[in-house]
Amino acid sequence: MLRESAKHQNQPVNVVAITNSMLDPLLPAGRELIAFVDAIVLTDFDELPIARQELFDAAGPGAVTRAAAVCAGFEGTNRVVDAVGVPVNKRYFDIGDELGVTIPEHLKG
């Protein structure tokens, strides 16, 4: 979703920075956005207020609201497809490889 959104905005993006914090995501407030999303996804209640404030300071309240809304939508959808056992589409294997994410065999379709 991030890659496509950046492409639509003619914004360069380094999606590998999502899984490698040593890399620059090439996005305005990109590091702050990744930290905020990580805190949400990892349910890190100690880090979340810090990450939220850093994203707010770097990009404003609208960015925090939009990022939280995207996370909520994605998490909801992800829970539904996990619950019903939807396999991972093969076209996403390359993205997983690029990010260094291993797809469990039972999820491969």
N, C-alpha and C. Protein backbone atom coordinates (compact mmCIF):
# COMPACT_ATOMS: atom_id res chain seq x y z
N MET A 1 0.83 -1.18 0.00
CA MET A 1 0.00 0.00 0.00
C MET A 1 0.89 1.26 0.00
N LEU A 2 1.94 1.23 0.80
CA LEU A 2 2.83 2.38 0.87
C LEU A 2 3.51 2.65 -0.46
N ARG A 3 3.98 1.60 -1.11
CA ARG A 3 4.65 1.76 -2.40
C ARG A 3 3.70 2.35 -3.43
N GLU A 4 2.48 1.85 -3.49
CA GLU A 4 1.51 2.34 -4.47
C GLU A 4 1.09 3.77 -4.17
N SER A 5 0.91 4.09 -2.91
CA SER A 5 0.55 5.45 -2.53
C SER A 5 1.66 6.42 -2.93
N ALA A 6 2.91 6.05 -2.66
CA ALA A 6 4.04 6.90 -3.03
C ALA A 6 4.12 7.06 -4.55
N LYS A 7 3.91 5.97 -5.26
CA LYS A 7 3.95 6.03 -6.73
C LYS A 7 2.89 6.98 -7.25
N HIS A 8 1.69 6.90 -6.68
CA HIS A 8 0.58 7.77 -7.08
C HIS A 8 0.91 9.24 -6.86
N GLN A 9 1.71 9.53 -5.82
CA GLN A 9 2.09 10.90 -5.48
C GLN A 9 3.42 11.32 -6.11
N ASN A 10 3.98 10.44 -6.98
CA ASN A 10 5.30 10.69 -7.57
C ASN A 10 6.36 10.95 -6.49
N GLN A 11 6.26 10.19 -5.42
CA GLN A 11 7.16 10.32 -4.28
C GLN A 11 8.06 9.08 -4.22
N PRO A 12 9.37 9.27 -4.28
CA PRO A 12 10.23 8.09 -4.12
C PRO A 12 10.05 7.49 -2.73
N VAL A 13 10.20 6.18 -2.64
CA VAL A 13 10.06 5.48 -1.37
C VAL A 13 11.00 4.28 -1.36
N ASN A 14 11.57 4.02 -0.23
CA ASN A 14 12.40 2.84 -0.04
C ASN A 14 11.66 1.95 0.95
N VAL A 15 10.87 1.00 0.44
CA VAL A 15 10.04 0.18 1.32
C VAL A 15 10.87 -0.76 2.19
N VAL A 16 12.10 -1.04 1.81
CA VAL A 16 12.94 -1.91 2.62
C VAL A 16 13.24 -1.25 3.97
N ALA A 17 13.12 0.07 4.04
CA ALA A 17 13.33 0.78 5.31
C ALA A 17 12.30 0.38 6.34
N ILE A 18 11.20 -0.21 5.92
CA ILE A 18 10.17 -0.68 6.85
C ILE A 18 10.75 -1.75 7.77
N THR A 19 11.60 -2.60 7.23
CA THR A 19 12.17 -3.69 8.02
C THR A 19 13.64 -3.48 8.35
N ASN A 20 14.21 -2.37 7.89
CA ASN A 20 15.62 -2.07 8.17
C ASN A 20 15.73 -0.60 8.57
N SER A 21 15.77 -0.35 9.87
CA SER A 21 15.76 1.03 10.36
C SER A 21 17.04 1.80 10.02
N MET A 22 18.05 1.13 9.52
CA MET A 22 19.28 1.82 9.11
C MET A 22 19.10 2.54 7.77
N LEU A 23 18.04 2.21 7.04
CA LEU A 23 17.79 2.79 5.72
C LEU A 23 16.83 3.97 5.81
N ASP A 24 16.99 4.91 4.89
CA ASP A 24 16.11 6.07 4.81
C ASP A 24 14.89 5.70 3.98
N PRO A 25 13.68 5.87 4.52
CA PRO A 25 12.49 5.54 3.74
C PRO A 25 12.22 6.49 2.58
N LEU A 26 12.94 7.62 2.54
CA LEU A 26 12.82 8.61 1.47
C LEU A 26 11.49 9.34 1.47
N LEU A 27 10.75 9.29 2.54
CA LEU A 27 9.46 9.96 2.65
C LEU A 27 9.56 11.10 3.65
N PRO A 28 8.81 12.17 3.43
CA PRO A 28 8.73 13.20 4.46
C PRO A 28 8.17 12.57 5.74
N ALA A 29 8.84 12.76 6.85
CA ALA A 29 8.46 12.18 8.14
C ALA A 29 8.38 10.66 8.09
N GLY A 30 9.13 10.07 7.18
CA GLY A 30 9.09 8.62 6.99
C GLY A 30 9.53 7.82 8.20
N ARG A 31 10.60 8.23 8.83
CA ARG A 31 11.07 7.50 10.02
C ARG A 31 10.04 7.60 11.15
N GLU A 32 9.45 8.77 11.31
CA GLU A 32 8.43 8.95 12.34
C GLU A 32 7.18 8.12 12.03
N LEU A 33 6.81 8.05 10.77
CA LEU A 33 5.66 7.26 10.37
C LEU A 33 5.90 5.78 10.66
N ILE A 34 7.07 5.28 10.30
CA ILE A 34 7.40 3.88 10.54
C ILE A 34 7.40 3.59 12.04
N ALA A 35 7.97 4.49 12.85
CA ALA A 35 7.99 4.28 14.30
C ALA A 35 6.58 4.24 14.87
N PHE A 36 5.70 5.10 14.37
CA PHE A 36 4.31 5.13 14.84
C PHE A 36 3.59 3.83 14.48
N VAL A 37 3.74 3.41 13.24
CA VAL A 37 3.09 2.17 12.79
C VAL A 37 3.65 0.97 13.56
N ASP A 38 4.96 0.92 13.74
CA ASP A 38 5.55 -0.17 14.52
C ASP A 38 4.98 -0.23 15.93
N ALA A 39 4.85 0.93 16.58
CA ALA A 39 4.31 0.96 17.94
C ALA A 39 2.88 0.45 17.98
N ILE A 40 2.10 0.77 16.94
CA ILE A 40 0.71 0.29 16.89
C ILE A 40 0.69 -1.22 16.65
N VAL A 41 1.40 -1.66 15.63
CA VAL A 41 1.35 -3.07 15.24
C VAL A 41 1.94 -3.97 16.33
N LEU A 42 2.98 -3.51 16.99
CA LEU A 42 3.62 -4.31 18.03
C LEU A 42 2.98 -4.11 19.40
N THR A 43 1.92 -3.29 19.45
CA THR A 43 1.20 -2.98 20.69
C THR A 43 2.18 -2.55 21.78
N ASP A 44 3.05 -1.62 21.42
CA ASP A 44 4.06 -1.11 22.34
C ASP A 44 3.51 0.15 23.02
N PHE A 45 2.85 -0.04 24.15
CA PHE A 45 2.18 1.06 24.84
C PHE A 45 3.15 2.06 25.46
N ASP A 46 4.39 1.66 25.65
CA ASP A 46 5.40 2.61 26.14
C ASP A 46 5.88 3.51 25.00
N GLU A 47 6.04 2.94 23.82
CA GLU A 47 6.58 3.68 22.68
C GLU A 47 5.50 4.48 21.95
N LEU A 48 4.26 4.03 21.97
CA LEU A 48 3.20 4.67 21.18
C LEU A 48 3.04 6.16 21.44
N PRO A 49 2.94 6.63 22.68
CA PRO A 49 2.78 8.08 22.88
C PRO A 49 3.96 8.88 22.36
N ILE A 50 5.15 8.32 22.48
CA ILE A 50 6.35 9.00 21.99
C ILE A 50 6.32 9.07 20.46
N ALA A 51 6.04 7.94 19.84
CA ALA A 51 6.00 7.89 18.37
C ALA A 51 4.88 8.78 17.83
N ARG A 52 3.73 8.78 18.50
CA ARG A 52 2.62 9.63 18.07
C ARG A 52 3.02 11.10 18.11
N GLN A 53 3.66 11.51 19.19
CA GLN A 53 4.08 12.91 19.32
C GLN A 53 5.14 13.27 18.29
N GLU A 54 6.07 12.36 18.02
CA GLU A 54 7.11 12.63 17.02
C GLU A 54 6.51 12.77 15.62
N LEU A 55 5.53 11.93 15.29
CA LEU A 55 4.86 12.06 13.99
C LEU A 55 4.06 13.36 13.95
N PHE A 56 3.38 13.68 15.03
CA PHE A 56 2.63 14.93 15.12
C PHE A 56 3.57 16.13 14.89
N ASP A 57 4.70 16.13 15.57
CA ASP A 57 5.66 17.24 15.44
C ASP A 57 6.24 17.33 14.03
N ALA A 58 6.47 16.18 13.40
CA ALA A 58 7.10 16.16 12.08
C ALA A 58 6.12 16.44 10.95
N ALA A 59 4.85 16.00 11.11
CA ALA A 59 3.93 16.06 9.97
C ALA A 59 2.56 16.63 10.29
N GLY A 60 2.28 16.89 11.55
CA GLY A 60 1.00 17.50 11.90
C GLY A 60 -0.07 16.51 12.31
N PRO A 61 -1.17 17.04 12.85
CA PRO A 61 -2.23 16.17 13.37
C PRO A 61 -2.93 15.35 12.29
N GLY A 62 -3.04 15.91 11.09
CA GLY A 62 -3.69 15.16 10.01
C GLY A 62 -2.93 13.89 9.65
N ALA A 63 -1.61 13.96 9.70
CA ALA A 63 -0.79 12.78 9.40
C ALA A 63 -1.01 11.69 10.44
N VAL A 64 -1.11 12.09 11.70
CA VAL A 64 -1.35 11.10 12.77
C VAL A 64 -2.72 10.45 12.56
N THR A 65 -3.71 11.25 12.27
CA THR A 65 -5.06 10.73 12.06
C THR A 65 -5.10 9.78 10.88
N ARG A 66 -4.51 10.19 9.75
CA ARG A 66 -4.51 9.33 8.56
C ARG A 66 -3.74 8.04 8.79
N ALA A 67 -2.59 8.13 9.44
CA ALA A 67 -1.79 6.94 9.71
C ALA A 67 -2.55 5.97 10.62
N ALA A 68 -3.19 6.50 11.65
CA ALA A 68 -3.96 5.65 12.56
C ALA A 68 -5.13 5.00 11.83
N ALA A 69 -5.79 5.75 10.95
CA ALA A 69 -6.93 5.21 10.20
C ALA A 69 -6.48 4.10 9.25
N VAL A 70 -5.36 4.28 8.58
CA VAL A 70 -4.85 3.25 7.67
C VAL A 70 -4.48 2.00 8.47
N CYS A 71 -3.82 2.19 9.61
CA CYS A 71 -3.48 1.04 10.47
C CYS A 71 -4.73 0.29 10.90
N ALA A 72 -5.74 1.02 11.33
CA ALA A 72 -6.98 0.39 11.78
C ALA A 72 -7.64 -0.40 10.66
N GLY A 73 -7.71 0.19 9.49
CA GLY A 73 -8.32 -0.50 8.36
C GLY A 73 -7.54 -1.75 7.97
N PHE A 74 -6.23 -1.62 7.93
CA PHE A 74 -5.40 -2.76 7.56
C PHE A 74 -5.50 -3.88 8.60
N GLU A 75 -5.41 -3.52 9.88
CA GLU A 75 -5.48 -4.53 10.94
C GLU A 75 -6.83 -5.25 10.92
N GLY A 76 -7.90 -4.51 10.70
CA GLY A 76 -9.22 -5.13 10.63
C GLY A 76 -9.33 -6.11 9.47
N THR A 77 -8.88 -5.67 8.31
CA THR A 77 -8.92 -6.54 7.14
C THR A 77 -8.03 -7.76 7.34
N ASN A 78 -6.85 -7.54 7.89
CA ASN A 78 -5.91 -8.63 8.11
C ASN A 78 -6.49 -9.69 9.06
N ARG A 79 -7.18 -9.25 10.09
CA ARG A 79 -7.79 -10.20 11.03
C ARG A 79 -8.88 -11.04 10.35
N VAL A 80 -9.65 -10.41 9.48
CA VAL A 80 -10.70 -11.15 8.78
C VAL A 80 -10.09 -12.20 7.85
N VAL A 81 -9.10 -11.80 7.03
CA VAL A 81 -8.54 -12.78 6.09
C VAL A 81 -7.78 -13.88 6.82
N ASP A 82 -7.14 -13.56 7.95
CA ASP A 82 -6.49 -14.60 8.75
C ASP A 82 -7.53 -15.57 9.32
N ALA A 83 -8.63 -15.01 9.81
CA ALA A 83 -9.66 -15.84 10.45
C ALA A 83 -10.30 -16.82 9.48
N VAL A 84 -10.46 -16.41 8.24
CA VAL A 84 -11.10 -17.30 7.27
C VAL A 84 -10.09 -18.13 6.49
N GLY A 85 -8.79 -17.91 6.74
CA GLY A 85 -7.76 -18.74 6.13
C GLY A 85 -7.42 -18.41 4.70
N VAL A 86 -7.49 -17.15 4.33
CA VAL A 86 -7.14 -16.75 2.96
C VAL A 86 -5.63 -16.91 2.77
N PRO A 87 -5.20 -17.66 1.75
CA PRO A 87 -3.77 -17.83 1.51
C PRO A 87 -3.16 -16.56 0.92
N VAL A 88 -1.86 -16.41 1.10
CA VAL A 88 -1.15 -15.27 0.54
C VAL A 88 -1.03 -15.47 -0.97
N ASN A 89 -1.42 -14.45 -1.72
CA ASN A 89 -1.34 -14.50 -3.17
C ASN A 89 0.13 -14.56 -3.60
N LYS A 90 0.44 -15.40 -4.57
CA LYS A 90 1.83 -15.58 -5.02
C LYS A 90 2.47 -14.28 -5.50
N ARG A 91 1.68 -13.34 -5.96
CA ARG A 91 2.26 -12.09 -6.47
C ARG A 91 2.90 -11.28 -5.34
N TYR A 92 2.60 -11.61 -4.09
CA TYR A 92 3.19 -10.89 -2.96
C TYR A 92 4.47 -11.54 -2.44
N PHE A 93 4.83 -12.70 -2.96
CA PHE A 93 6.05 -13.37 -2.49
C PHE A 93 7.28 -12.51 -2.72
N ASP A 94 7.35 -11.84 -3.88
CA ASP A 94 8.52 -11.01 -4.17
C ASP A 94 8.64 -9.85 -3.18
N ILE A 95 7.52 -9.27 -2.79
CA ILE A 95 7.55 -8.19 -1.81
C ILE A 95 8.06 -8.72 -0.47
N GLY A 96 7.59 -9.88 -0.08
CA GLY A 96 8.06 -10.49 1.16
C GLY A 96 9.55 -10.76 1.11
N ASP A 97 10.02 -11.26 -0.03
CA ASP A 97 11.46 -11.49 -0.19
C ASP A 97 12.24 -10.19 -0.11
N GLU A 98 11.72 -9.14 -0.75
CA GLU A 98 12.39 -7.84 -0.75
C GLU A 98 12.51 -7.29 0.67
N LEU A 99 11.48 -7.49 1.48
CA LEU A 99 11.47 -6.98 2.84
C LEU A 99 12.12 -7.93 3.83
N GLY A 100 12.47 -9.13 3.38
CA GLY A 100 13.07 -10.10 4.28
C GLY A 100 12.06 -10.78 5.18
N VAL A 101 10.82 -10.88 4.70
CA VAL A 101 9.74 -11.49 5.46
C VAL A 101 9.47 -12.88 4.90
N THR A 102 9.42 -13.86 5.76
CA THR A 102 9.15 -15.23 5.34
C THR A 102 7.67 -15.53 5.48
N ILE A 103 7.08 -16.04 4.43
CA ILE A 103 5.66 -16.41 4.46
C ILE A 103 5.58 -17.88 4.86
N PRO A 104 4.86 -18.17 5.93
CA PRO A 104 4.73 -19.58 6.36
C PRO A 104 4.12 -20.43 5.25
N GLU A 105 4.60 -21.65 5.12
CA GLU A 105 4.15 -22.54 4.06
C GLU A 105 2.63 -22.74 4.05
N HIS A 106 2.01 -22.82 5.23
CA HIS A 106 0.57 -23.07 5.26
C HIS A 106 -0.25 -21.88 4.74
N LEU A 107 0.38 -20.71 4.58
CA LEU A 107 -0.34 -19.55 4.05
C LEU A 107 -0.13 -19.36 2.55
N LYS A 108 0.79 -20.10 2.00
CA LYS A 108 1.06 -19.95 0.56
C LYS A 108 -0.04 -20.65 -0.23
N GLY A 109 -0.56 -19.92 -1.22
CA GLY A 109 -1.67 -20.47 -2.01
C GLY A 109 -1.22 -21.14 -3.26
